[in-house]
Amino acid sequence: MTIQRAAAVVAMVLAVAGCERATDAGVAAETPASAAVEPAPPEAVNGWAEYPLRDGVIRIQPQRWRTDVISIPVPANGGDLEYKLSLKAGDALVYAIDFGEIEHPGLFVSEFHGHTEKRADGVGDLMFYSKDGPPRQNGQFVAPWDGIHGWYLKNESSRDAVVTLEVAGYYEIPEQ
């Protein structure tokens, strides 16, 4: 499957997932009396219960998504770097990251995370999305905020590594 087809499939999956009722998504059906109660499902007409469109289910973009395949060299013996993408809140991407021939997977660190610019008070927001490493990871992602989202990579092994990152979606690649 090409990365373009994968992006289209993921977009459909995200749209369908956004239409699930909370109880179908694994959220407990019991709520405290003070919590908002989910409205009853709409009445079925001709075999379909039509739900109103929820916020965040679809986001029409002015341009076509982009795709990139990036080779990221990570030097041995403690070499580290952060590979960054810039996304706006709500923008989505699909990715596949392959760590190549790693001598000892336990000696390679990969953290997928995002952060905002720091505010005037010197504090920014940071969230870790995944701390999984070798041998590979495939995923989909929707940015929780405007900012930098990317992978911190550190190679503690005695051999250089080349990480291959395939991405498709709505993002920019800032100067690294």
C-alpha atoms as a PDB file:
ATOM      1  CA  MET A   1       0.000   0.000   0.000  1.00  0.00           C
ATOM      2  CA  THR A   2       1.389   3.391  -0.948  1.00  0.00           C
ATOM      3  CA  ILE A   3       1.709   6.115   1.666  1.00  0.00           C
ATOM      4  CA  GLN A   4      -0.911   8.144  -0.291  1.00  0.00           C
ATOM      5  CA  ARG A   5      -3.431   5.292  -0.124  1.00  0.00           C
ATOM      6  CA  ALA A   6      -2.584   4.767   3.547  1.00  0.00           C
ATOM      7  CA  ALA A   7      -3.264   8.452   4.226  1.00  0.00           C
ATOM      8  CA  ALA A   8      -6.674   8.194   2.552  1.00  0.00           C
ATOM      9  CA  VAL A   9      -7.528   5.046   4.522  1.00  0.00           C
ATOM     10  CA  VAL A  10      -6.470   6.679   7.786  1.00  0.00           C
ATOM     11  CA  ALA A  11      -8.578   9.751   7.014  1.00  0.00           C
ATOM     12  CA  MET A  12     -11.614   7.496   6.534  1.00  0.00           C
ATOM     13  CA  VAL A  13     -10.840   5.583   9.759  1.00  0.00           C
ATOM     14  CA  LEU A  14     -10.508   8.835  11.718  1.00  0.00           C
ATOM     15  CA  ALA A  15     -13.810  10.103  10.329  1.00  0.00           C
ATOM     16  CA  VAL A  16     -15.619   6.863  11.205  1.00  0.00           C
ATOM     17  CA  ALA A  17     -14.005   6.761  14.660  1.00  0.00           C
ATOM     18  CA  GLY A  18     -15.228  10.281  15.360  1.00  0.00           C
ATOM     19  CA  CYS A  19     -18.801   9.135  14.709  1.00  0.00           C
ATOM     20  CA  GLU A  20     -18.787   6.364  17.347  1.00  0.00           C
ATOM     21  CA  ARG A  21     -21.024   6.738  20.343  1.00  0.00           C
ATOM     22  CA  ALA A  22     -19.058   7.084  23.598  1.00  0.00           C
ATOM     23  CA  THR A  23     -20.207   3.680  24.841  1.00  0.00           C
ATOM     24  CA  ASP A  24     -19.029   2.077  21.598  1.00  0.00           C
ATOM     25  CA  ALA A  25     -15.596   3.659  22.054  1.00  0.00           C
ATOM     26  CA  GLY A  26     -15.026   1.943  25.392  1.00  0.00           C
ATOM     27  CA  VAL A  27     -16.135   4.822  27.635  1.00  0.00           C
ATOM     28  CA  ALA A  28     -17.980   3.633  30.723  1.00  0.00           C
ATOM     29  CA  ALA A  29     -21.739   3.926  30.348  1.00  0.00           C
ATOM     30  CA  GLU A  30     -22.218   4.984  33.984  1.00  0.00           C
ATOM     31  CA  THR A  31     -21.604   8.661  34.710  1.00  0.00           C
ATOM     32  CA  PRO A  32     -21.960  10.691  37.879  1.00  0.00           C
ATOM     33  CA  ALA A  33     -25.167  12.711  38.195  1.00  0.00           C
ATOM     34  CA  SER A  34     -23.179  15.935  37.649  1.00  0.00           C
ATOM     35  CA  ALA A  35     -21.674  14.733  34.363  1.00  0.00           C
ATOM     36  CA  ALA A  36     -23.258  15.566  31.016  1.00  0.00           C
ATOM     37  CA  VAL A  37     -25.524  12.809  29.762  1.00  0.00           C
ATOM     38  CA  GLU A  38     -25.055  11.662  26.194  1.00  0.00           C
ATOM     39  CA  PRO A  39     -28.128  12.435  24.127  1.00  0.00           C
ATOM     40  CA  ALA A  40     -30.254   9.533  23.008  1.00  0.00           C
ATOM     41  CA  PRO A  41     -29.443   8.198  19.543  1.00  0.00           C
ATOM     42  CA  PRO A  42     -31.526   9.797  16.800  1.00  0.00           C
ATOM     43  CA  GLU A  43     -34.558   7.929  15.574  1.00  0.00           C
ATOM     44  CA  ALA A  44     -33.804   5.606  12.670  1.00  0.00           C
ATOM     45  CA  VAL A  45     -35.278   6.555   9.302  1.00  0.00           C
ATOM     46  CA  ASN A  46     -35.119   3.969   6.520  1.00  0.00           C
ATOM     47  CA  GLY A  47     -32.745   1.890   8.620  1.00  0.00           C
ATOM     48  CA  TRP A  48     -30.282   4.711   9.435  1.00  0.00           C
ATOM     49  CA  ALA A  49     -29.829   6.679  12.662  1.00  0.00           C
ATOM     50  CA  GLU A  50     -28.277   9.883  11.322  1.00  0.00           C
ATOM     51  CA  TYR A  51     -26.022  11.710  13.784  1.00  0.00           C
ATOM     52  CA  PRO A  52     -25.161  15.402  13.497  1.00  0.00           C
ATOM     53  CA  LEU A  53     -21.617  16.145  12.403  1.00  0.00           C
ATOM     54  CA  ARG A  54     -19.320  16.509  15.426  1.00  0.00           C
ATOM     55  CA  ASP A  55     -16.517  19.034  15.703  1.00  0.00           C
ATOM     56  CA  GLY A  56     -13.174  17.662  14.553  1.00  0.00           C
ATOM     57  CA  VAL A  57     -14.541  14.824  12.427  1.00  0.00           C
ATOM     58  CA  ILE A  58     -13.604  16.468   9.131  1.00  0.00           C
ATOM     59  CA  ARG A  59     -11.195  19.230   8.305  1.00  0.00           C
ATOM     60  CA  ILE A  60     -11.161  20.480   4.728  1.00  0.00           C
ATOM     61  CA  GLN A  61      -7.679  21.611   3.685  1.00  0.00           C
ATOM     62  CA  PRO A  62      -6.877  24.202   1.011  1.00  0.00           C
ATOM     63  CA  GLN A  63      -4.038  22.109  -0.417  1.00  0.00           C
ATOM     64  CA  ARG A  64      -3.299  18.456  -1.137  1.00  0.00           C
ATOM     65  CA  TRP A  65      -1.448  16.539   1.545  1.00  0.00           C
ATOM     66  CA  ARG A  66       2.284  16.098   1.177  1.00  0.00           C
ATOM     67  CA  THR A  67       4.448  13.001   1.456  1.00  0.00           C
ATOM     68  CA  ASP A  68       8.095  12.588   2.313  1.00  0.00           C
ATOM     69  CA  VAL A  69      10.545   9.745   2.851  1.00  0.00           C
ATOM     70  CA  ILE A  70      13.425  10.953   5.002  1.00  0.00           C
ATOM     71  CA  SER A  71      16.691   9.192   5.874  1.00  0.00           C
ATOM     72  CA  ILE A  72      17.974  10.332   9.258  1.00  0.00           C
ATOM     73  CA  PRO A  73      21.553   9.335  10.175  1.00  0.00           C
ATOM     74  CA  VAL A  74      22.041   8.877  13.936  1.00  0.00           C
ATOM     75  CA  PRO A  75      25.716   8.515  14.935  1.00  0.00           C
ATOM     76  CA  ALA A  76      26.894   5.775  17.288  1.00  0.00           C
ATOM     77  CA  ASN A  77      28.129   6.158  20.859  1.00  0.00           C
ATOM     78  CA  GLY A  78      25.496   8.563  22.165  1.00  0.00           C
ATOM     79  CA  GLY A  79      24.706  10.487  19.004  1.00  0.00           C
ATOM     80  CA  ASP A  80      21.328  12.156  19.328  1.00  0.00           C
ATOM     81  CA  LEU A  81      19.048  14.547  17.466  1.00  0.00           C
ATOM     82  CA  GLU A  82      15.474  15.703  17.187  1.00  0.00           C
ATOM     83  CA  TYR A  83      13.745  15.368  13.808  1.00  0.00           C
ATOM     84  CA  LYS A  84      10.929  17.932  13.694  1.00  0.00           C
ATOM     85  CA  LEU A  85       7.723  18.520  11.806  1.00  0.00           C
ATOM     86  CA  SER A  86       5.553  21.606  12.216  1.00  0.00           C
ATOM     87  CA  LEU A  87       1.793  21.066  12.446  1.00  0.00           C
ATOM     88  CA  LYS A  88      -1.202  23.221  13.297  1.00  0.00           C
ATOM     89  CA  ALA A  89      -3.719  22.026  15.882  1.00  0.00           C
ATOM     90  CA  GLY A  90      -6.011  19.465  14.270  1.00  0.00           C
ATOM     91  CA  ASP A  91      -3.710  18.707  11.340  1.00  0.00           C
ATOM     92  CA  ALA A  92      -3.146  15.004  10.747  1.00  0.00           C
ATOM     93  CA  LEU A  93      -0.440  12.731   9.440  1.00  0.00           C
ATOM     94  CA  VAL A  94       0.277   9.057   9.052  1.00  0.00           C
ATOM     95  CA  TYR A  95       3.784   7.783   9.560  1.00  0.00           C
ATOM     96  CA  ALA A  96       6.020   4.749   9.378  1.00  0.00           C
ATOM     97  CA  ILE A  97       9.385   4.846  11.106  1.00  0.00           C
ATOM     98  CA  ASP A  98      11.972   2.102  10.568  1.00  0.00           C
ATOM     99  CA  PHE A  99      15.148   2.067  12.612  1.00  0.00           C
ATOM    100  CA  GLY A 100      17.145  -0.060  10.180  1.00  0.00           C
ATOM    101  CA  GLU A 101      19.915  -2.393  11.333  1.00  0.00           C
ATOM    102  CA  ILE A 102      20.264  -1.566  15.018  1.00  0.00           C
ATOM    103  CA  GLU A 103      23.034  -3.475  16.805  1.00  0.00           C
ATOM    104  CA  HIS A 104      21.147  -3.665  20.133  1.00  0.00           C
ATOM    105  CA  PRO A 105      17.562  -2.298  20.059  1.00  0.00           C
ATOM    106  CA  GLY A 106      17.750  -1.596  23.812  1.00  0.00           C
ATOM    107  CA  LEU A 107      20.536   0.906  23.126  1.00  0.00           C
ATOM    108  CA  PHE A 108      18.413   3.057  20.816  1.00  0.00           C
ATOM    109  CA  VAL A 109      15.949   5.627  22.189  1.00  0.00           C
ATOM    110  CA  SER A 110      13.014   6.985  20.187  1.00  0.00           C
ATOM    111  CA  GLU A 111      10.496   9.416  21.656  1.00  0.00           C
ATOM    112  CA  PHE A 112       7.698  10.852  19.527  1.00  0.00           C
ATOM    113  CA  HIS A 113       6.552  14.088  21.166  1.00  0.00           C
ATOM    114  CA  GLY A 114       5.302  17.594  20.556  1.00  0.00           C
ATOM    115  CA  HIS A 115       5.711  20.981  22.121  1.00  0.00           C
ATOM    116  CA  THR A 116       4.514  24.546  21.735  1.00  0.00           C
ATOM    117  CA  GLU A 117       6.622  27.665  21.678  1.00  0.00           C
ATOM    118  CA  LYS A 118       7.336  28.911  25.189  1.00  0.00           C
ATOM    119  CA  ARG A 119       5.023  31.674  26.384  1.00  0.00           C
ATOM    120  CA  ALA A 120       6.175  34.995  27.914  1.00  0.00           C
ATOM    121  CA  ASP A 121       6.388  33.291  31.325  1.00  0.00           C
ATOM    122  CA  GLY A 122       9.030  30.909  29.906  1.00  0.00           C
ATOM    123  CA  VAL A 123       6.742  27.842  30.007  1.00  0.00           C
ATOM    124  CA  GLY A 124       5.592  25.793  27.034  1.00  0.00           C
ATOM    125  CA  ASP A 125       3.395  22.726  26.641  1.00  0.00           C
ATOM    126  CA  LEU A 126       4.948  19.279  26.055  1.00  0.00           C
ATOM    127  CA  MET A 127       3.313  15.903  25.389  1.00  0.00           C
ATOM    128  CA  PHE A 128       4.909  12.502  24.704  1.00  0.00           C
ATOM    129  CA  TYR A 129       2.940  10.492  22.149  1.00  0.00           C
ATOM    130  CA  SER A 130       5.089   7.364  22.054  1.00  0.00           C
ATOM    131  CA  LYS A 131       8.317   6.092  23.551  1.00  0.00           C
ATOM    132  CA  ASP A 132       8.526   2.967  21.393  1.00  0.00           C
ATOM    133  CA  GLY A 133      11.677   2.288  19.435  1.00  0.00           C
ATOM    134  CA  PRO A 134      13.124  -0.373  17.161  1.00  0.00           C
ATOM    135  CA  PRO A 135      12.455  -2.189  14.974  1.00  0.00           C
ATOM    136  CA  ARG A 136       9.598  -0.085  13.498  1.00  0.00           C
ATOM    137  CA  GLN A 137       6.419   1.770  14.262  1.00  0.00           C
ATOM    138  CA  ASN A 138       3.426   2.735  12.129  1.00  0.00           C
ATOM    139  CA  GLY A 139       0.836   5.221  13.265  1.00  0.00           C
ATOM    140  CA  GLN A 140      -1.594   8.027  12.739  1.00  0.00           C
ATOM    141  CA  PHE A 141      -1.500  11.334  14.534  1.00  0.00           C
ATOM    142  CA  VAL A 142      -3.634  14.462  14.991  1.00  0.00           C
ATOM    143  CA  ALA A 143      -1.765  17.443  16.458  1.00  0.00           C
ATOM    144  CA  PRO A 144      -3.231  18.595  19.792  1.00  0.00           C
ATOM    145  CA  TRP A 145      -1.846  22.131  19.292  1.00  0.00           C
ATOM    146  CA  ASP A 146       0.166  24.343  16.952  1.00  0.00           C
ATOM    147  CA  GLY A 147       3.831  23.554  17.312  1.00  0.00           C
ATOM    148  CA  ILE A 148       6.733  21.231  16.732  1.00  0.00           C
ATOM    149  CA  HIS A 149       6.008  17.509  16.669  1.00  0.00           C
ATOM    150  CA  GLY A 150       8.771  15.018  16.068  1.00  0.00           C
ATOM    151  CA  TRP A 151      11.119  12.302  17.152  1.00  0.00           C
ATOM    152  CA  TYR A 152      14.015  12.511  19.579  1.00  0.00           C
ATOM    153  CA  LEU A 153      16.504   9.812  18.540  1.00  0.00           C
ATOM    154  CA  LYS A 154      19.544   8.651  20.516  1.00  0.00           C
ATOM    155  CA  ASN A 155      21.936   5.861  19.509  1.00  0.00           C
ATOM    156  CA  GLU A 156      23.953   4.390  22.408  1.00  0.00           C
ATOM    157  CA  SER A 157      25.193   1.442  20.309  1.00  0.00           C
ATOM    158  CA  SER A 158      28.660   1.206  18.779  1.00  0.00           C
ATOM    159  CA  ARG A 159      27.351   1.365  15.170  1.00  0.00           C
ATOM    160  CA  ASP A 160      25.903   4.294  13.255  1.00  0.00           C
ATOM    161  CA  ALA A 161      22.206   3.925  12.405  1.00  0.00           C
ATOM    162  CA  VAL A 162      20.002   5.292   9.641  1.00  0.00           C
ATOM    163  CA  VAL A 163      16.351   5.792  10.528  1.00  0.00           C
ATOM    164  CA  THR A 164      13.837   5.946   7.676  1.00  0.00           C
ATOM    165  CA  LEU A 165      10.765   8.081   8.296  1.00  0.00           C
ATOM    166  CA  GLU A 166       7.823   8.017   5.871  1.00  0.00           C
ATOM    167  CA  VAL A 167       5.163  10.666   6.484  1.00  0.00           C
ATOM    168  CA  ALA A 168       2.023  11.816   4.700  1.00  0.00           C
ATOM    169  CA  GLY A 169      -0.388  14.512   5.752  1.00  0.00           C
ATOM    170  CA  TYR A 170      -0.547  18.207   6.548  1.00  0.00           C
ATOM    171  CA  TYR A 171       2.763  19.395   7.971  1.00  0.00           C
ATOM    172  CA  GLU A 172       5.839  21.432   7.178  1.00  0.00           C
ATOM    173  CA  ILE A 173       9.467  20.415   7.653  1.00  0.00           C
ATOM    174  CA  PRO A 174      11.253  23.263   9.432  1.00  0.00           C
ATOM    175  CA  GLU A 175      14.972  23.786   9.057  1.00  0.00           C
ATOM    176  CA  GLN A 176      16.577  20.996  11.091  1.00  0.00           C
END
